[in-house]
PDB file of N, CA and C in Angstrom:
ATOM      1  N   MET A   1      12.211  -0.985  -5.164  1.00  0.00           N
ATOM      2  CA  MET A   1      11.110  -1.361  -4.294  1.00  0.00           C
ATOM      3  C   MET A   1      11.267  -0.169  -3.890  1.00  0.00           C
ATOM      4  N   ILE A   2       9.740   0.861  -2.996  1.00  0.00           N
ATOM      5  CA  ILE A   2      10.184   1.454  -2.033  1.00  0.00           C
ATOM      6  C   ILE A   2       8.739   0.933  -0.868  1.00  0.00           C
ATOM      7  N   GLU A   3       9.853   1.511   0.283  1.00  0.00           N
ATOM      8  CA  GLU A   3       8.949   0.456   1.961  1.00  0.00           C
ATOM      9  C   GLU A   3       9.239   1.763   2.255  1.00  0.00           C
ATOM     10  N   ILE A   4       7.877   2.130   2.845  1.00  0.00           N
ATOM     11  CA  ILE A   4       7.446   3.231   4.022  1.00  0.00           C
ATOM     12  C   ILE A   4       6.811   2.369   5.169  1.00  0.00           C
ATOM     13  N   THR A   5       7.405   2.951   6.410  1.00  0.00           N
ATOM     14  CA  THR A   5       6.636   2.169   7.610  1.00  0.00           C
ATOM     15  C   THR A   5       5.722   3.309   7.865  1.00  0.00           C
ATOM     16  N   PHE A   6       4.590   2.579   8.475  1.00  0.00           N
ATOM     17  CA  PHE A   6       3.896   3.841   9.742  1.00  0.00           C
ATOM     18  C   PHE A   6       3.513   3.096  11.095  1.00  0.00           C
ATOM     19  N   ASP A   7       3.929   4.000  11.862  1.00  0.00           N
ATOM     20  CA  ASP A   7       3.932   3.366  13.227  1.00  0.00           C
ATOM     21  C   ASP A   7       3.212   3.975  14.059  1.00  0.00           C
ATOM     22  N   LYS A   8       2.318   4.794  13.747  1.00  0.00           N
ATOM     23  CA  LYS A   8       1.098   5.700  14.054  1.00  0.00           C
ATOM     24  C   LYS A   8       0.481   4.631  15.664  1.00  0.00           C
ATOM     25  N   VAL A   9       1.138   5.134  16.755  1.00  0.00           N
ATOM     26  CA  VAL A   9       0.268   4.461  17.865  1.00  0.00           C
ATOM     27  C   VAL A   9      -1.529   4.416  18.186  1.00  0.00           C
ATOM     28  N   GLY A  10      -2.152   3.497  18.308  1.00  0.00           N
ATOM     29  CA  GLY A  10      -3.527   3.323  18.601  1.00  0.00           C
ATOM     30  C   GLY A  10      -3.735   2.379  17.803  1.00  0.00           C
ATOM     31  N   THR A  11      -4.657   2.290  18.267  1.00  0.00           N
ATOM     32  CA  THR A  11      -6.354   0.845  17.940  1.00  0.00           C
ATOM     33  C   THR A  11      -6.071   1.051  16.046  1.00  0.00           C
ATOM     34  N   PHE A  12      -5.464   0.732  15.337  1.00  0.00           N
ATOM     35  CA  PHE A  12      -5.222   1.032  13.561  1.00  0.00           C
ATOM     36  C   PHE A  12      -4.939   1.870  13.249  1.00  0.00           C
ATOM     37  N   SER A  13      -4.898   2.860  13.707  1.00  0.00           N
ATOM     38  CA  SER A  13      -3.996   4.209  13.487  1.00  0.00           C
ATOM     39  C   SER A  13      -3.076   3.994  12.226  1.00  0.00           C
ATOM     40  N   ALA A  14      -1.847   3.258  12.631  1.00  0.00           N
ATOM     41  CA  ALA A  14      -0.849   3.031  11.644  1.00  0.00           C
ATOM     42  C   ALA A  14      -1.653   2.280  10.474  1.00  0.00           C
ATOM     43  N   LEU A  15      -2.716   1.623  10.427  1.00  0.00           N
ATOM     44  CA  LEU A  15      -3.420   1.037   8.837  1.00  0.00           C
ATOM     45  C   LEU A  15      -4.056   2.300   8.012  1.00  0.00           C
ATOM     46  N   TYR A  16      -4.969   2.742   8.868  1.00  0.00           N
ATOM     47  CA  TYR A  16      -5.429   4.669   8.403  1.00  0.00           C
ATOM     48  C   TYR A  16      -4.366   5.333   7.872  1.00  0.00           C
ATOM     49  N   ALA A  17      -3.278   5.872   8.952  1.00  0.00           N
ATOM     50  CA  ALA A  17      -2.379   6.669   8.161  1.00  0.00           C
ATOM     51  C   ALA A  17      -1.273   6.309   6.765  1.00  0.00           C
ATOM     52  N   ALA A  18      -1.444   4.749   6.431  1.00  0.00           N
ATOM     53  CA  ALA A  18      -1.226   4.088   5.381  1.00  0.00           C
ATOM     54  C   ALA A  18      -2.166   3.776   4.457  1.00  0.00           C
ATOM     55  N   GLN A  19      -3.542   3.963   4.586  1.00  0.00           N
ATOM     56  CA  GLN A  19      -5.169   3.806   3.795  1.00  0.00           C
ATOM     57  C   GLN A  19      -4.556   5.847   3.289  1.00  0.00           C
ATOM     58  N   ALA A  20      -4.515   6.345   4.105  1.00  0.00           N
ATOM     59  CA  ALA A  20      -4.664   7.700   3.924  1.00  0.00           C
ATOM     60  C   ALA A  20      -3.537   8.460   2.595  1.00  0.00           C
ATOM     61  N   TRP A  21      -2.019   8.065   3.668  1.00  0.00           N
ATOM     62  CA  TRP A  21      -1.320   8.159   2.521  1.00  0.00           C
ATOM     63  C   TRP A  21      -1.438   7.657   1.096  1.00  0.00           C
ATOM     64  N   LEU A  22      -2.610   6.434   0.868  1.00  0.00           N
ATOM     65  CA  LEU A  22      -2.746   5.647  -0.611  1.00  0.00           C
ATOM     66  C   LEU A  22      -3.297   6.451  -1.020  1.00  0.00           C
ATOM     67  N   ARG A  23      -4.602   6.804  -0.575  1.00  0.00           N
ATOM     68  CA  ARG A  23      -5.729   8.085  -0.979  1.00  0.00           C
ATOM     69  C   ARG A  23      -4.803   9.275  -1.914  1.00  0.00           C
ATOM     70  N   GLU A  24      -4.469   9.842  -0.683  1.00  0.00           N
ATOM     71  CA  GLU A  24      -3.369  10.786  -0.966  1.00  0.00           C
ATOM     72  C   GLU A  24      -2.537  10.913  -2.589  1.00  0.00           C
ATOM     73  N   ASN A  25      -1.677   9.694  -2.534  1.00  0.00           N
ATOM     74  CA  ASN A  25      -1.434   9.422  -3.884  1.00  0.00           C
ATOM     75  C   ASN A  25      -1.871   8.605  -5.306  1.00  0.00           C
ATOM     76  N   GLY A  26      -3.214   8.666  -5.219  1.00  0.00           N
ATOM     77  CA  GLY A  26      -3.968   8.143  -6.006  1.00  0.00           C
ATOM     78  C   GLY A  26      -3.954   6.375  -6.397  1.00  0.00           C
ATOM     79  N   TYR A  27      -3.619   5.482  -5.033  1.00  0.00           N
ATOM     80  CA  TYR A  27      -3.890   4.340  -4.922  1.00  0.00           C
ATOM     81  C   TYR A  27      -5.342   4.129  -4.049  1.00  0.00           C
ATOM     82  N   SER A  28      -6.018   2.226  -4.784  1.00  0.00           N
ATOM     83  CA  SER A  28      -6.499   1.731  -4.044  1.00  0.00           C
ATOM     84  C   SER A  28      -5.988   0.549  -3.596  1.00  0.00           C
ATOM     85  N   PHE A  29      -6.611   0.478  -2.681  1.00  0.00           N
ATOM     86  CA  PHE A  29      -6.371  -1.090  -1.275  1.00  0.00           C
ATOM     87  C   PHE A  29      -7.276  -1.491  -1.381  1.00  0.00           C
ATOM     88  N   GLY A  30      -7.340  -3.200  -1.013  1.00  0.00           N
ATOM     89  CA  GLY A  30      -8.148  -4.074  -0.887  1.00  0.00           C
ATOM     90  C   GLY A  30      -8.383  -4.278   0.978  1.00  0.00           C
ATOM     91  N   SER A  31      -8.983  -5.055   1.178  1.00  0.00           N
ATOM     92  CA  SER A  31      -9.858  -5.318   2.174  1.00  0.00           C
ATOM     93  C   SER A  31      -8.886  -5.796   3.125  1.00  0.00           C
ATOM     94  N   SER A  32      -8.657  -5.905   4.227  1.00  0.00           N
ATOM     95  CA  SER A  32      -7.838  -6.676   5.577  1.00  0.00           C
ATOM     96  C   SER A  32      -8.211  -8.146   5.393  1.00  0.00           C
ATOM     97  N   CYS A  33      -7.644  -8.944   5.415  1.00  0.00           N
ATOM     98  CA  CYS A  33      -8.214 -10.571   5.877  1.00  0.00           C
ATOM     99  C   CYS A  33      -6.355 -10.990   6.473  1.00  0.00           C
ATOM    100  N   VAL A  34      -7.389 -11.628   7.632  1.00  0.00           N
ATOM    101  CA  VAL A  34      -6.010 -12.330   8.787  1.00  0.00           C
ATOM    102  C   VAL A  34      -4.831 -12.602   8.421  1.00  0.00           C
ATOM    103  N   GLY A  35      -4.210 -11.845   8.790  1.00  0.00           N
ATOM    104  CA  GLY A  35      -2.210 -12.635   8.731  1.00  0.00           C
ATOM    105  C   GLY A  35      -2.026 -12.724   6.828  1.00  0.00           C
ATOM    106  N   MET A  36      -2.740 -11.999   6.328  1.00  0.00           N
ATOM    107  CA  MET A  36      -2.373 -11.834   4.997  1.00  0.00           C
ATOM    108  C   MET A  36      -2.123 -10.746   4.755  1.00  0.00           C
ATOM    109  N   PRO A  37      -1.728  -9.849   3.568  1.00  0.00           N
ATOM    110  CA  PRO A  37      -0.884  -8.616   3.195  1.00  0.00           C
ATOM    111  C   PRO A  37      -2.501  -8.446   2.488  1.00  0.00           C
ATOM    112  N   ILE A  38      -2.677  -7.204   2.345  1.00  0.00           N
ATOM    113  CA  ILE A  38      -3.490  -6.472   1.387  1.00  0.00           C
ATOM    114  C   ILE A  38      -3.023  -5.646   0.438  1.00  0.00           C
ATOM    115  N   GLY A  39      -3.572  -6.118  -0.852  1.00  0.00           N
ATOM    116  CA  GLY A  39      -3.444  -5.362  -2.328  1.00  0.00           C
ATOM    117  C   GLY A  39      -3.511  -3.764  -2.512  1.00  0.00           C
ATOM    118  N   ILE A  40      -2.666  -3.229  -3.301  1.00  0.00           N
ATOM    119  CA  ILE A  40      -2.062  -2.352  -3.614  1.00  0.00           C
ATOM    120  C   ILE A  40      -2.698  -1.867  -5.314  1.00  0.00           C
ATOM    121  N   LEU A  41      -3.150  -0.978  -5.870  1.00  0.00           N
ATOM    122  CA  LEU A  41      -2.846  -0.772  -7.754  1.00  0.00           C
ATOM    123  C   LEU A  41      -3.002   0.338  -7.338  1.00  0.00           C
ATOM    124  N   LYS A  42      -2.848   1.382  -8.735  1.00  0.00           N
ATOM    125  CA  LYS A  42      -2.413   2.482  -8.649  1.00  0.00           C
ATOM    126  C   LYS A  42      -3.523   3.202  -9.375  1.00  0.00           C
ATOM    127  N   GLY A  43      -4.284   3.649  -9.487  1.00  0.00           N
ATOM    128  CA  GLY A  43      -5.965   4.153  -9.883  1.00  0.00           C
ATOM    129  C   GLY A  43      -6.920   4.136  -8.912  1.00  0.00           C
ATOM    130  N   THR A  44      -8.085   4.253  -9.458  1.00  0.00           N
ATOM    131  CA  THR A  44      -9.420   3.390  -8.878  1.00  0.00           C
ATOM    132  C   THR A  44     -10.019   2.200  -9.043  1.00  0.00           C
ATOM    133  N   TRP A  45      -9.750   1.163  -8.610  1.00  0.00           N
ATOM    134  CA  TRP A  45      -9.826  -0.507  -8.550  1.00  0.00           C
ATOM    135  C   TRP A  45     -10.354  -0.818  -7.184  1.00  0.00           C
ATOM    136  N   SER A  46     -11.257  -1.759  -7.602  1.00  0.00           N
ATOM    137  CA  SER A  46     -11.898  -2.892  -6.343  1.00  0.00           C
ATOM    138  C   SER A  46     -10.973  -3.979  -6.405  1.00  0.00           C
ATOM    139  N   ILE A  47     -10.570  -4.066  -5.291  1.00  0.00           N
ATOM    140  CA  ILE A  47      -9.449  -5.408  -4.916  1.00  0.00           C
ATOM    141  C   ILE A  47     -10.047  -6.077  -4.211  1.00  0.00           C
ATOM    142  N   ALA A  48     -10.095  -7.138  -4.645  1.00  0.00           N
ATOM    143  CA  ALA A  48     -10.316  -8.940  -3.268  1.00  0.00           C
ATOM    144  C   ALA A  48      -9.728  -8.546  -2.267  1.00  0.00           C
ATOM    145  N   LYS A  49      -9.622  -9.089  -1.156  1.00  0.00           N
ATOM    146  CA  LYS A  49      -8.624  -9.829  -0.642  1.00  0.00           C
ATOM    147  C   LYS A  49      -7.587 -10.545  -0.607  1.00  0.00           C
ATOM    148  N   TRP A  50      -6.519 -10.571   0.036  1.00  0.00           N
ATOM    149  CA  TRP A  50      -5.586 -11.799  -0.398  1.00  0.00           C
ATOM    150  C   TRP A  50      -5.957 -13.262  -0.919  1.00  0.00           C
ATOM    151  N   ARG A  51      -6.707 -13.444  -0.236  1.00  0.00           N
ATOM    152  CA  ARG A  51      -6.943 -14.546  -0.384  1.00  0.00           C
ATOM    153  C   ARG A  51      -7.525 -15.421  -1.275  1.00  0.00           C
ATOM    154  N   ASN A  52      -8.598 -14.177  -1.707  1.00  0.00           N
ATOM    155  CA  ASN A  52      -8.968 -14.236  -3.111  1.00  0.00           C
ATOM    156  C   ASN A  52      -8.736 -13.822  -4.596  1.00  0.00           C
ATOM    157  N   LEU A  53      -7.183 -13.658  -4.337  1.00  0.00           N
ATOM    158  CA  LEU A  53      -6.332 -13.060  -5.647  1.00  0.00           C
ATOM    159  C   LEU A  53      -6.616 -14.719  -6.110  1.00  0.00           C
ATOM    160  N   THR A  54      -5.835 -15.039  -7.540  1.00  0.00           N
ATOM    161  CA  THR A  54      -5.421 -16.164  -7.728  1.00  0.00           C
ATOM    162  C   THR A  54      -3.522 -15.373  -8.186  1.00  0.00           C
ATOM    163  N   GLY A  55      -2.765 -16.140  -8.102  1.00  0.00           N
ATOM    164  CA  GLY A  55      -0.800 -15.951  -8.622  1.00  0.00           C
ATOM    165  C   GLY A  55      -0.882 -14.921  -9.426  1.00  0.00           C
ATOM    166  N   LYS A  56      -1.715 -15.275 -10.159  1.00  0.00           N
ATOM    167  CA  LYS A  56      -1.390 -13.786 -11.433  1.00  0.00           C
ATOM    168  C   LYS A  56      -1.819 -12.399 -10.759  1.00  0.00           C
ATOM    169  N   GLU A  57      -2.787 -12.500 -10.404  1.00  0.00           N
ATOM    170  CA  GLU A  57      -3.518 -11.178  -9.491  1.00  0.00           C
ATOM    171  C   GLU A  57      -2.580 -10.621  -8.669  1.00  0.00           C
ATOM    172  N   ARG A  58      -1.886 -11.647  -8.268  1.00  0.00           N
ATOM    173  CA  ARG A  58      -1.428 -10.995  -6.875  1.00  0.00           C
ATOM    174  C   ARG A  58       0.244 -10.426  -7.717  1.00  0.00           C
ATOM    175  N   GLU A  59       0.648 -10.979  -9.054  1.00  0.00           N
ATOM    176  CA  GLU A  59       1.798 -10.523  -9.480  1.00  0.00           C
ATOM    177  C   GLU A  59       1.407  -9.139 -10.154  1.00  0.00           C
ATOM    178  N   GLN A  60       0.278  -9.030 -10.707  1.00  0.00           N
ATOM    179  CA  GLN A  60      -0.400  -7.819 -11.444  1.00  0.00           C
ATOM    180  C   GLN A  60      -0.434  -6.286 -10.144  1.00  0.00           C
ATOM    181  N   LEU A  61      -0.168  -6.636  -9.028  1.00  0.00           N
ATOM    182  CA  LEU A  61      -0.702  -5.660  -8.122  1.00  0.00           C
ATOM    183  C   LEU A  61       0.680  -4.769  -8.189  1.00  0.00           C
ATOM    184  N   ASP A  62       0.653  -3.510  -7.737  1.00  0.00           N
ATOM    185  CA  ASP A  62       1.717  -2.437  -7.721  1.00  0.00           C
ATOM    186  C   ASP A  62       2.126  -2.225  -6.601  1.00  0.00           C
ATOM    187  N   GLY A  63       1.711  -3.442  -5.448  1.00  0.00           N
ATOM    188  CA  GLY A  63       2.217  -3.332  -3.974  1.00  0.00           C
ATOM    189  C   GLY A  63       1.306  -3.812  -3.380  1.00  0.00           C
ATOM    190  N   GLN A  64       1.897  -3.749  -1.461  1.00  0.00           N
ATOM    191  CA  GLN A  64       1.487  -4.485  -0.434  1.00  0.00           C
ATOM    192  C   GLN A  64       1.058  -3.460   0.536  1.00  0.00           C
ATOM    193  N   LEU A  65       0.105  -3.502   1.661  1.00  0.00           N
ATOM    194  CA  LEU A  65       0.466  -3.002   2.780  1.00  0.00           C
ATOM    195  C   LEU A  65       0.304  -4.171   3.555  1.00  0.00           C
ATOM    196  N   ILE A  66       2.302  -4.703   4.403  1.00  0.00           N
ATOM    197  CA  ILE A  66       1.814  -5.762   5.489  1.00  0.00           C
ATOM    198  C   ILE A  66       2.079  -5.417   7.036  1.00  0.00           C
ATOM    199  N   SER A  67       2.112  -6.693   7.208  1.00  0.00           N
ATOM    200  CA  SER A  67       1.716  -6.068   9.370  1.00  0.00           C
ATOM    201  C   SER A  67       1.505  -7.496   9.860  1.00  0.00           C
ATOM    202  N   LYS A  68       2.410  -7.884  10.765  1.00  0.00           N
ATOM    203  CA  LYS A  68       2.092  -9.156  11.826  1.00  0.00           C
ATOM    204  C   LYS A  68       0.710  -9.012  12.614  1.00  0.00           C
ATOM    205  N   ASP A  69       0.296  -7.307  12.828  1.00  0.00           N
ATOM    206  CA  ASP A  69      -1.094  -6.985  13.454  1.00  0.00           C
ATOM    207  C   ASP A  69      -1.509  -5.512  13.122  1.00  0.00           C
ATOM    208  N   PHE A  70      -2.853  -5.541  11.933  1.00  0.00           N
ATOM    209  CA  PHE A  70      -2.580  -4.943  11.664  1.00  0.00           C
ATOM    210  C   PHE A  70      -3.466  -3.809  13.091  1.00  0.00           C
ATOM    211  N   ARG A  71      -4.192  -4.399  13.739  1.00  0.00           N
ATOM    212  CA  ARG A  71      -4.456  -3.691  14.360  1.00  0.00           C
ATOM    213  C   ARG A  71      -3.791  -2.336  15.557  1.00  0.00           C
ATOM    214  N   GLU A  72      -2.564  -2.787  16.195  1.00  0.00           N
ATOM    215  CA  GLU A  72      -1.603  -2.524  16.648  1.00  0.00           C
ATOM    216  C   GLU A  72      -0.693  -1.453  15.645  1.00  0.00           C
ATOM    217  N   GLY A  73      -0.393  -2.263  14.107  1.00  0.00           N
ATOM    218  CA  GLY A  73       1.045  -1.715  13.942  1.00  0.00           C
ATOM    219  C   GLY A  73       2.275  -2.574  13.829  1.00  0.00           C
ATOM    220  N   PRO A  74       3.493  -2.277  13.427  1.00  0.00           N
ATOM    221  CA  PRO A  74       3.632  -1.248  12.462  1.00  0.00           C
ATOM    222  C   PRO A  74       2.950  -1.346  11.400  1.00  0.00           C
ATOM    223  N   VAL A  75       2.854  -0.358  10.699  1.00  0.00           N
ATOM    224  CA  VAL A  75       1.791  -1.142   8.858  1.00  0.00           C
ATOM    225  C   VAL A  75       3.248  -1.245   8.626  1.00  0.00           C
ATOM    226  N   VAL A  76       3.688  -1.955   7.252  1.00  0.00           N
ATOM    227  CA  VAL A  76       4.651  -1.049   6.362  1.00  0.00           C
ATOM    228  C   VAL A  76       4.258  -1.436   5.112  1.00  0.00           C
ATOM    229  N   LEU A  77       4.620  -0.383   4.160  1.00  0.00           N
ATOM    230  CA  LEU A  77       3.724  -0.376   2.442  1.00  0.00           C
ATOM    231  C   LEU A  77       4.916  -0.499   0.952  1.00  0.00           C
ATOM    232  N   ARG A  78       4.165  -1.698   0.547  1.00  0.00           N
ATOM    233  CA  ARG A  78       6.065  -2.359  -0.259  1.00  0.00           C
ATOM    234  C   ARG A  78       5.301  -1.649  -1.952  1.00  0.00           C
ATOM    235  N   LEU A  79       5.924  -0.505  -2.401  1.00  0.00           N
ATOM    236  CA  LEU A  79       5.526  -0.477  -3.573  1.00  0.00           C
ATOM    237  C   LEU A  79       6.394  -0.885  -4.537  1.00  0.00           C
ATOM    238  N   LYS A  80       6.311  -1.956  -5.570  1.00  0.00           N
ATOM    239  CA  LYS A  80       7.340  -2.155  -5.928  1.00  0.00           C
ATOM    240  C   LYS A  80       7.845  -1.747  -7.676  1.00  0.00           C
ATOM    241  N   ASP A  81       7.192  -0.248  -8.306  1.00  0.00           N
ATOM    242  CA  ASP A  81       7.702  -0.399  -9.351  1.00  0.00           C
ATOM    243  C   ASP A  81       8.162   1.648  -8.586  1.00  0.00           C
ATOM    244  N   LEU A  82       8.704   2.070  -9.691  1.00  0.00           N
ATOM    245  CA  LEU A  82       9.082   3.211  -9.237  1.00  0.00           C
ATOM    246  C   LEU A  82       8.033   4.576 -10.445  1.00  0.00           C
ATOM    247  N   ALA A  83       8.249   5.426  -9.825  1.00  0.00           N
ATOM    248  CA  ALA A  83       7.771   6.686 -10.889  1.00  0.00           C
ATOM    249  C   ALA A  83       9.025   7.426 -11.289  1.00  0.00           C
ATOM    250  N   THR A  84       7.597   7.386 -12.712  1.00  0.00           N
ATOM    251  CA  THR A  84       8.549   7.782 -14.043  1.00  0.00           C
ATOM    252  C   THR A  84       8.626   9.381 -13.646  1.00  0.00           C
ATOM    253  N   ASP A  85       9.788   9.495 -14.443  1.00  0.00           N
ATOM    254  CA  ASP A  85      10.069  11.518 -14.647  1.00  0.00           C
ATOM    255  C   ASP A  85       8.546  12.657 -14.788  1.00  0.00           C
ATOM    256  N   GLU A  86       7.961  11.837 -15.599  1.00  0.00           N
ATOM    257  CA  GLU A  86       6.707  12.608 -15.961  1.00  0.00           C
ATOM    258  C   GLU A  86       5.725  12.059 -14.680  1.00  0.00           C
ATOM    259  N   GLU A  87       5.714  11.808 -13.283  1.00  0.00           N
ATOM    260  CA  GLU A  87       4.518  10.847 -12.609  1.00  0.00           C
ATOM    261  C   GLU A  87       5.736  12.386 -11.727  1.00  0.00           C
ATOM    262  N   ILE A  88       6.300  12.211 -11.424  1.00  0.00           N
ATOM    263  CA  ILE A  88       7.225  12.875 -10.371  1.00  0.00           C
ATOM    264  C   ILE A  88       7.097  13.967 -10.469  1.00  0.00           C
ATOM    265  N   LYS A  89       7.338  14.590 -11.604  1.00  0.00           N
ATOM    266  CA  LYS A  89       6.919  16.212 -11.858  1.00  0.00           C
ATOM    267  C   LYS A  89       5.842  16.183 -11.796  1.00  0.00           C
ATOM    268  N   ALA A  90       4.611  15.485 -12.041  1.00  0.00           N
ATOM    269  CA  ALA A  90       3.003  15.901 -11.599  1.00  0.00           C
ATOM    270  C   ALA A  90       2.796  15.619 -10.686  1.00  0.00           C
ATOM    271  N   GLY A  91       4.141  15.159  -9.578  1.00  0.00           N
ATOM    272  CA  GLY A  91       3.373  14.701  -8.308  1.00  0.00           C
ATOM    273  C   GLY A  91       2.139  14.296  -8.112  1.00  0.00           C
ATOM    274  N   THR A  92       2.786  12.785  -8.971  1.00  0.00           N
ATOM    275  CA  THR A  92       1.563  11.708  -8.837  1.00  0.00           C
ATOM    276  C   THR A  92       1.423  10.581  -8.177  1.00  0.00           C
ATOM    277  N   ARG A  93       3.317  10.696  -8.130  1.00  0.00           N
ATOM    278  CA  ARG A  93       4.154   9.176  -7.644  1.00  0.00           C
ATOM    279  C   ARG A  93       5.227   9.439  -6.667  1.00  0.00           C
ATOM    280  N   ILE A  94       5.403   9.328  -6.271  1.00  0.00           N
ATOM    281  CA  ILE A  94       6.997   9.358  -4.726  1.00  0.00           C
ATOM    282  C   ILE A  94       8.344   8.945  -5.951  1.00  0.00           C
ATOM    283  N   LYS A  95       9.092  10.113  -4.936  1.00  0.00           N
ATOM    284  CA  LYS A  95      10.793   9.675  -5.475  1.00  0.00           C
ATOM    285  C   LYS A  95      11.509   8.499  -4.957  1.00  0.00           C
ATOM    286  N   GLN A  96      11.931   7.780  -5.678  1.00  0.00           N
ATOM    287  CA  GLN A  96      13.013   6.267  -4.969  1.00  0.00           C
ATOM    288  C   GLN A  96      12.913   6.760  -3.282  1.00  0.00           C
ATOM    289  N   GLY A  97      13.078   6.231  -2.172  1.00  0.00           N
ATOM    290  CA  GLY A  97      13.793   6.443  -1.129  1.00  0.00           C
ATOM    291  C   GLY A  97      13.043   7.675  -0.035  1.00  0.00           C
ATOM    292  N   ASP A  98      11.777   8.341  -0.949  1.00  0.00           N
ATOM    293  CA  ASP A  98      10.954   9.859  -0.562  1.00  0.00           C
ATOM    294  C   ASP A  98       9.867   8.811   0.695  1.00  0.00           C
ATOM    295  N   LYS A  99      10.165   8.904   1.468  1.00  0.00           N
ATOM    296  CA  LYS A  99       9.814   8.172   2.918  1.00  0.00           C
ATOM    297  C   LYS A  99       8.518   9.008   3.326  1.00  0.00           C
ATOM    298  N   SER A 100       7.843  10.435   3.031  1.00  0.00           N
ATOM    299  CA  SER A 100       7.468  11.634   3.527  1.00  0.00           C
ATOM    300  C   SER A 100       6.051  11.678   3.120  1.00  0.00           C
TER     301      SER A 100
END
């Protein structure tokens, strides 16, 4: 599992920083839902709010954004699968432990 914390100060700043990182790295993210995570999938997808995803759909996600307060942060990005060597060489996925 890869975990990156975004702690930019300001209203929704940490969330926006996490979403920008996801877009730059080829991930899609779902809509926010108060008190619940936001689903993440590699590629271009439309992802429902967490409360509308089935258990199976949640298991199929590549990760999630979590926070006690998405408005003020911090926001934690958790990705469950590691990059393959080909993806690392192509620059499309981050290496394990890379938090930049």
